[in-house]
């Protein structure tokens, strides 16, 4: 029989629901406590503040996503296979816990500034994969950040569409289409000046 979630986990899940539905700034600790049916003071036994709770949830997902896509890429030698593996890992994480994934996507612009730039970062992993593919001459050698941004745009915009109800169902349903679009972006020749 599965274990019931502990109080800290219940606080985190209630906070995620509220952060996604109404925003971090607009959410009050009183609302989180009411959702979990605990006293507001109980939250402070687990987290110093609402901001710490928001940052911890974000950081955990951010690092997990970076590690998952790095591991996915490491299992393959060619950029095309790496792209497919990264997309599969990305979609699997989104589908496994959509609430947490959505929170991460919607709050990154507000929260990234609070973390050490050396924190494992999904964007940095993708840029490194692109640079390595350029060094192996698998894709055109130009600005790795621009290529990574274009590739990430395929999945990031899809996540945004899903977050706002424009894409229904699991992202994994579309992973082959995303991967082929990313591969096409990565292989696009740089236009002559």
C-alpha atoms as a PDB file:
ATOM      1  CA  UNK A   1       0.000   0.000   0.000  1.00  0.00           C
ATOM      2  CA  UNK A   2       1.480   3.402  -0.964  1.00  0.00           C
ATOM      3  CA  UNK A   3       2.551   5.735   1.833  1.00  0.00           C
ATOM      4  CA  UNK A   4       0.494   8.844   2.397  1.00  0.00           C
ATOM      5  CA  UNK A   5       2.404  12.019   1.517  1.00  0.00           C
ATOM      6  CA  UNK A   6       4.133  13.666   4.460  1.00  0.00           C
ATOM      7  CA  UNK A   7       3.284  17.211   5.543  1.00  0.00           C
ATOM      8  CA  UNK A   8       6.188  18.783   3.652  1.00  0.00           C
ATOM      9  CA  UNK A   9       5.113  17.082   0.427  1.00  0.00           C
ATOM     10  CA  UNK A  10       1.512  18.193   0.957  1.00  0.00           C
ATOM     11  CA  UNK A  11       2.695  21.777   1.500  1.00  0.00           C
ATOM     12  CA  UNK A  12       4.767  21.640  -1.697  1.00  0.00           C
ATOM     13  CA  UNK A  13       1.905  20.268  -3.797  1.00  0.00           C
ATOM     14  CA  UNK A  14      -0.603  22.794  -2.446  1.00  0.00           C
ATOM     15  CA  UNK A  15       1.887  25.607  -3.047  1.00  0.00           C
ATOM     16  CA  UNK A  16       2.487  24.424  -6.622  1.00  0.00           C
ATOM     17  CA  UNK A  17      -1.255  24.428  -7.326  1.00  0.00           C
ATOM     18  CA  UNK A  18      -1.598  27.955  -5.986  1.00  0.00           C
ATOM     19  CA  UNK A  19       1.598  29.287  -7.548  1.00  0.00           C
ATOM     20  CA  UNK A  20       0.499  28.020 -10.973  1.00  0.00           C
ATOM     21  CA  UNK A  21      -3.108  29.138 -10.692  1.00  0.00           C
ATOM     22  CA  UNK A  22      -2.598  32.608  -9.234  1.00  0.00           C
ATOM     23  CA  UNK A  23       1.143  33.373  -9.171  1.00  0.00           C
ATOM     24  CA  UNK A  24       3.829  33.257  -6.517  1.00  0.00           C
ATOM     25  CA  UNK A  25       3.449  36.881  -5.429  1.00  0.00           C
ATOM     26  CA  UNK A  26      -0.325  36.600  -5.162  1.00  0.00           C
ATOM     27  CA  UNK A  27      -0.270  33.385  -3.121  1.00  0.00           C
ATOM     28  CA  UNK A  28      -0.389  33.760   0.654  1.00  0.00           C
ATOM     29  CA  UNK A  29       0.964  31.225   3.137  1.00  0.00           C
ATOM     30  CA  UNK A  30      -2.474  31.262   4.757  1.00  0.00           C
ATOM     31  CA  UNK A  31      -3.936  29.889   1.505  1.00  0.00           C
ATOM     32  CA  UNK A  32      -1.329  27.116   1.371  1.00  0.00           C
ATOM     33  CA  UNK A  33      -2.054  26.194   4.999  1.00  0.00           C
ATOM     34  CA  UNK A  34      -5.807  26.130   4.340  1.00  0.00           C
ATOM     35  CA  UNK A  35      -5.324  23.884   1.310  1.00  0.00           C
ATOM     36  CA  UNK A  36      -3.309  21.402   3.393  1.00  0.00           C
ATOM     37  CA  UNK A  37      -5.520  21.856   6.492  1.00  0.00           C
ATOM     38  CA  UNK A  38      -2.637  22.766   8.745  1.00  0.00           C
ATOM     39  CA  UNK A  39      -1.766  25.848  10.747  1.00  0.00           C
ATOM     40  CA  UNK A  40       0.178  28.535   8.928  1.00  0.00           C
ATOM     41  CA  UNK A  41       2.998  28.077  11.454  1.00  0.00           C
ATOM     42  CA  UNK A  42       3.487  24.482  10.302  1.00  0.00           C
ATOM     43  CA  UNK A  43       4.694  25.764   6.936  1.00  0.00           C
ATOM     44  CA  UNK A  44       7.496  27.623   8.707  1.00  0.00           C
ATOM     45  CA  UNK A  45       8.718  24.393  10.312  1.00  0.00           C
ATOM     46  CA  UNK A  46       9.591  23.204   6.814  1.00  0.00           C
ATOM     47  CA  UNK A  47      10.376  26.444   4.971  1.00  0.00           C
ATOM     48  CA  UNK A  48      11.823  29.750   6.123  1.00  0.00           C
ATOM     49  CA  UNK A  49       9.384  31.655   3.916  1.00  0.00           C
ATOM     50  CA  UNK A  50       7.032  31.374   0.968  1.00  0.00           C
ATOM     51  CA  UNK A  51       9.867  32.658  -1.221  1.00  0.00           C
ATOM     52  CA  UNK A  52      12.184  29.896  -0.023  1.00  0.00           C
ATOM     53  CA  UNK A  53       9.458  27.348  -0.780  1.00  0.00           C
ATOM     54  CA  UNK A  54       8.998  28.770  -4.295  1.00  0.00           C
ATOM     55  CA  UNK A  55      12.742  28.768  -4.939  1.00  0.00           C
ATOM     56  CA  UNK A  56      13.295  25.266  -3.593  1.00  0.00           C
ATOM     57  CA  UNK A  57      10.569  23.830  -5.820  1.00  0.00           C
ATOM     58  CA  UNK A  58      11.998  25.641  -8.831  1.00  0.00           C
ATOM     59  CA  UNK A  59      15.623  24.709  -8.115  1.00  0.00           C
ATOM     60  CA  UNK A  60      14.842  21.032  -7.637  1.00  0.00           C
ATOM     61  CA  UNK A  61      13.044  20.864 -10.998  1.00  0.00           C
ATOM     62  CA  UNK A  62      15.655  22.978 -12.764  1.00  0.00           C
ATOM     63  CA  UNK A  63      18.532  20.757 -11.643  1.00  0.00           C
ATOM     64  CA  UNK A  64      16.577  17.544 -12.318  1.00  0.00           C
ATOM     65  CA  UNK A  65      15.746  18.671 -15.839  1.00  0.00           C
ATOM     66  CA  UNK A  66      19.377  19.632 -16.528  1.00  0.00           C
ATOM     67  CA  UNK A  67      20.610  16.271 -15.245  1.00  0.00           C
ATOM     68  CA  UNK A  68      17.982  14.313 -17.201  1.00  0.00           C
ATOM     69  CA  UNK A  69      18.758  15.938 -20.534  1.00  0.00           C
ATOM     70  CA  UNK A  70      22.509  15.730 -19.951  1.00  0.00           C
ATOM     71  CA  UNK A  71      22.195  11.995 -19.251  1.00  0.00           C
ATOM     72  CA  UNK A  72      19.957  11.558 -22.306  1.00  0.00           C
ATOM     73  CA  UNK A  73      22.485  13.272 -24.581  1.00  0.00           C
ATOM     74  CA  UNK A  74      25.434  11.390 -23.095  1.00  0.00           C
ATOM     75  CA  UNK A  75      23.958   8.091 -24.239  1.00  0.00           C
ATOM     76  CA  UNK A  76      24.375   9.028 -27.920  1.00  0.00           C
ATOM     77  CA  UNK A  77      27.229  10.137 -30.176  1.00  0.00           C
ATOM     78  CA  UNK A  78      25.476  12.023 -33.015  1.00  0.00           C
ATOM     79  CA  UNK A  79      23.498  15.246 -32.648  1.00  0.00           C
ATOM     80  CA  UNK A  80      20.390  13.774 -34.302  1.00  0.00           C
ATOM     81  CA  UNK A  81      20.188  10.951 -31.770  1.00  0.00           C
ATOM     82  CA  UNK A  82      21.062  13.317 -28.942  1.00  0.00           C
ATOM     83  CA  UNK A  83      18.231  15.625 -29.996  1.00  0.00           C
ATOM     84  CA  UNK A  84      15.750  12.739 -30.051  1.00  0.00           C
ATOM     85  CA  UNK A  85      16.919  11.530 -26.639  1.00  0.00           C
ATOM     86  CA  UNK A  86      16.791  15.010 -25.100  1.00  0.00           C
ATOM     87  CA  UNK A  87      13.283  15.613 -26.433  1.00  0.00           C
ATOM     88  CA  UNK A  88      12.140  12.222 -25.120  1.00  0.00           C
ATOM     89  CA  UNK A  89      13.579  12.965 -21.663  1.00  0.00           C
ATOM     90  CA  UNK A  90      12.088  16.467 -21.657  1.00  0.00           C
ATOM     91  CA  UNK A  91       8.625  15.250 -22.642  1.00  0.00           C
ATOM     92  CA  UNK A  92       8.780  12.362 -20.152  1.00  0.00           C
ATOM     93  CA  UNK A  93       9.524  14.786 -17.315  1.00  0.00           C
ATOM     94  CA  UNK A  94       6.693  17.058 -18.404  1.00  0.00           C
ATOM     95  CA  UNK A  95       4.258  14.161 -18.547  1.00  0.00           C
ATOM     96  CA  UNK A  96       5.399  12.645 -15.247  1.00  0.00           C
ATOM     97  CA  UNK A  97       4.577  15.755 -13.198  1.00  0.00           C
ATOM     98  CA  UNK A  98       2.893  18.359 -15.365  1.00  0.00           C
ATOM     99  CA  UNK A  99       2.114  20.647 -12.427  1.00  0.00           C
ATOM    100  CA  UNK A 100       5.770  20.893 -11.384  1.00  0.00           C
ATOM    101  CA  UNK A 101       6.939  21.161 -14.994  1.00  0.00           C
ATOM    102  CA  UNK A 102       4.423  23.927 -15.718  1.00  0.00           C
ATOM    103  CA  UNK A 103       5.468  25.770 -12.562  1.00  0.00           C
ATOM    104  CA  UNK A 104       9.112  25.604 -13.632  1.00  0.00           C
ATOM    105  CA  UNK A 105       8.321  26.909 -17.106  1.00  0.00           C
ATOM    106  CA  UNK A 106       6.047  29.729 -15.947  1.00  0.00           C
ATOM    107  CA  UNK A 107       8.285  30.950 -13.117  1.00  0.00           C
ATOM    108  CA  UNK A 108      11.788  30.721 -14.558  1.00  0.00           C
ATOM    109  CA  UNK A 109      12.002  34.386 -15.526  1.00  0.00           C
ATOM    110  CA  UNK A 110      11.128  35.444 -11.992  1.00  0.00           C
ATOM    111  CA  UNK A 111      13.297  32.919 -10.139  1.00  0.00           C
ATOM    112  CA  UNK A 112      16.461  32.213 -12.143  1.00  0.00           C
ATOM    113  CA  UNK A 113      18.107  35.401 -10.897  1.00  0.00           C
ATOM    114  CA  UNK A 114      18.246  33.988  -7.354  1.00  0.00           C
ATOM    115  CA  UNK A 115      20.562  31.109  -8.218  1.00  0.00           C
ATOM    116  CA  UNK A 116      24.268  30.694  -8.724  1.00  0.00           C
ATOM    117  CA  UNK A 117      25.051  30.829 -12.461  1.00  0.00           C
ATOM    118  CA  UNK A 118      26.959  27.548 -12.030  1.00  0.00           C
ATOM    119  CA  UNK A 119      23.815  25.687 -10.964  1.00  0.00           C
ATOM    120  CA  UNK A 120      23.123  22.835 -13.400  1.00  0.00           C
ATOM    121  CA  UNK A 121      21.066  24.491 -16.100  1.00  0.00           C
ATOM    122  CA  UNK A 122      19.038  22.855 -18.913  1.00  0.00           C
ATOM    123  CA  UNK A 123      19.862  25.683 -21.335  1.00  0.00           C
ATOM    124  CA  UNK A 124      23.596  25.388 -20.675  1.00  0.00           C
ATOM    125  CA  UNK A 125      23.386  21.634 -21.274  1.00  0.00           C
ATOM    126  CA  UNK A 126      21.731  22.183 -24.652  1.00  0.00           C
ATOM    127  CA  UNK A 127      24.269  24.854 -25.632  1.00  0.00           C
ATOM    128  CA  UNK A 128      27.103  22.454 -24.733  1.00  0.00           C
ATOM    129  CA  UNK A 129      25.531  19.663 -26.810  1.00  0.00           C
ATOM    130  CA  UNK A 130      25.212  22.046 -29.770  1.00  0.00           C
ATOM    131  CA  UNK A 131      28.823  23.252 -29.394  1.00  0.00           C
ATOM    132  CA  UNK A 132      30.078  19.672 -29.317  1.00  0.00           C
ATOM    133  CA  UNK A 133      28.083  18.840 -32.475  1.00  0.00           C
ATOM    134  CA  UNK A 134      29.613  21.877 -34.177  1.00  0.00           C
ATOM    135  CA  UNK A 135      33.090  20.745 -33.153  1.00  0.00           C
ATOM    136  CA  UNK A 136      32.345  17.302 -34.643  1.00  0.00           C
ATOM    137  CA  UNK A 137      31.173  19.098 -37.823  1.00  0.00           C
ATOM    138  CA  UNK A 138      27.708  17.506 -37.639  1.00  0.00           C
ATOM    139  CA  UNK A 139      25.924  20.858 -37.905  1.00  0.00           C
ATOM    140  CA  UNK A 140      26.942  24.283 -39.239  1.00  0.00           C
ATOM    141  CA  UNK A 141      29.522  26.033 -37.085  1.00  0.00           C
ATOM    142  CA  UNK A 142      28.065  29.391 -36.110  1.00  0.00           C
ATOM    143  CA  UNK A 143      26.557  30.821 -32.922  1.00  0.00           C
ATOM    144  CA  UNK A 144      25.759  27.885 -30.609  1.00  0.00           C
ATOM    145  CA  UNK A 145      23.524  30.057 -28.455  1.00  0.00           C
ATOM    146  CA  UNK A 146      21.355  31.018 -31.430  1.00  0.00           C
ATOM    147  CA  UNK A 147      21.066  27.376 -32.576  1.00  0.00           C
ATOM    148  CA  UNK A 148      20.249  26.231 -29.039  1.00  0.00           C
ATOM    149  CA  UNK A 149      17.652  29.002 -28.662  1.00  0.00           C
ATOM    150  CA  UNK A 150      15.993  27.997 -31.927  1.00  0.00           C
ATOM    151  CA  UNK A 151      15.972  24.324 -30.942  1.00  0.00           C
ATOM    152  CA  UNK A 152      14.664  25.014 -27.448  1.00  0.00           C
ATOM    153  CA  UNK A 153      11.978  27.244 -28.885  1.00  0.00           C
ATOM    154  CA  UNK A 154      10.324  24.200 -30.436  1.00  0.00           C
ATOM    155  CA  UNK A 155       9.662  22.551 -27.074  1.00  0.00           C
ATOM    156  CA  UNK A 156       9.422  25.642 -24.888  1.00  0.00           C
ATOM    157  CA  UNK A 157       6.659  27.141 -26.995  1.00  0.00           C
ATOM    158  CA  UNK A 158       4.865  23.788 -26.997  1.00  0.00           C
ATOM    159  CA  UNK A 159       5.006  23.764 -23.185  1.00  0.00           C
ATOM    160  CA  UNK A 160       3.608  27.294 -23.118  1.00  0.00           C
ATOM    161  CA  UNK A 161       0.781  26.269 -25.462  1.00  0.00           C
ATOM    162  CA  UNK A 162       0.028  23.256 -23.238  1.00  0.00           C
ATOM    163  CA  UNK A 163       0.147  25.429 -20.108  1.00  0.00           C
ATOM    164  CA  UNK A 164      -2.553  27.652 -21.572  1.00  0.00           C
ATOM    165  CA  UNK A 165      -4.687  24.766 -22.862  1.00  0.00           C
ATOM    166  CA  UNK A 166      -3.876  25.031 -26.574  1.00  0.00           C
ATOM    167  CA  UNK A 167      -2.183  21.607 -26.679  1.00  0.00           C
ATOM    168  CA  UNK A 168      -4.046  18.756 -25.006  1.00  0.00           C
ATOM    169  CA  UNK A 169      -2.745  15.480 -23.676  1.00  0.00           C
ATOM    170  CA  UNK A 170       0.793  14.321 -22.996  1.00  0.00           C
ATOM    171  CA  UNK A 171       3.695  16.075 -24.699  1.00  0.00           C
ATOM    172  CA  UNK A 172       5.267  12.679 -25.424  1.00  0.00           C
ATOM    173  CA  UNK A 173       2.548  12.156 -28.018  1.00  0.00           C
ATOM    174  CA  UNK A 174       4.330  14.829 -30.098  1.00  0.00           C
ATOM    175  CA  UNK A 175       7.957  14.056 -29.261  1.00  0.00           C
ATOM    176  CA  UNK A 176       8.870  12.647 -32.693  1.00  0.00           C
ATOM    177  CA  UNK A 177       7.513  15.766 -34.406  1.00  0.00           C
ATOM    178  CA  UNK A 178       9.391  18.022 -31.957  1.00  0.00           C
ATOM    179  CA  UNK A 179      12.612  16.056 -32.455  1.00  0.00           C
ATOM    180  CA  UNK A 180      12.426  16.195 -36.248  1.00  0.00           C
ATOM    181  CA  UNK A 181      11.744  19.951 -36.143  1.00  0.00           C
ATOM    182  CA  UNK A 182      14.729  20.478 -33.836  1.00  0.00           C
ATOM    183  CA  UNK A 183      16.976  18.348 -36.039  1.00  0.00           C
ATOM    184  CA  UNK A 184      15.923  20.414 -39.052  1.00  0.00           C
ATOM    185  CA  UNK A 185      16.695  23.635 -37.166  1.00  0.00           C
ATOM    186  CA  UNK A 186      20.103  22.367 -36.102  1.00  0.00           C
ATOM    187  CA  UNK A 187      21.035  21.346 -39.658  1.00  0.00           C
ATOM    188  CA  UNK A 188      19.776  24.503 -41.378  1.00  0.00           C
ATOM    189  CA  UNK A 189      22.615  26.119 -43.303  1.00  0.00           C
ATOM    190  CA  UNK A 190      23.599  29.599 -42.241  1.00  0.00           C
ATOM    191  CA  UNK A 191      22.429  32.046 -44.932  1.00  0.00           C
ATOM    192  CA  UNK A 192      25.200  33.849 -46.777  1.00  0.00           C
ATOM    193  CA  UNK A 193      25.556  37.533 -45.808  1.00  0.00           C
END
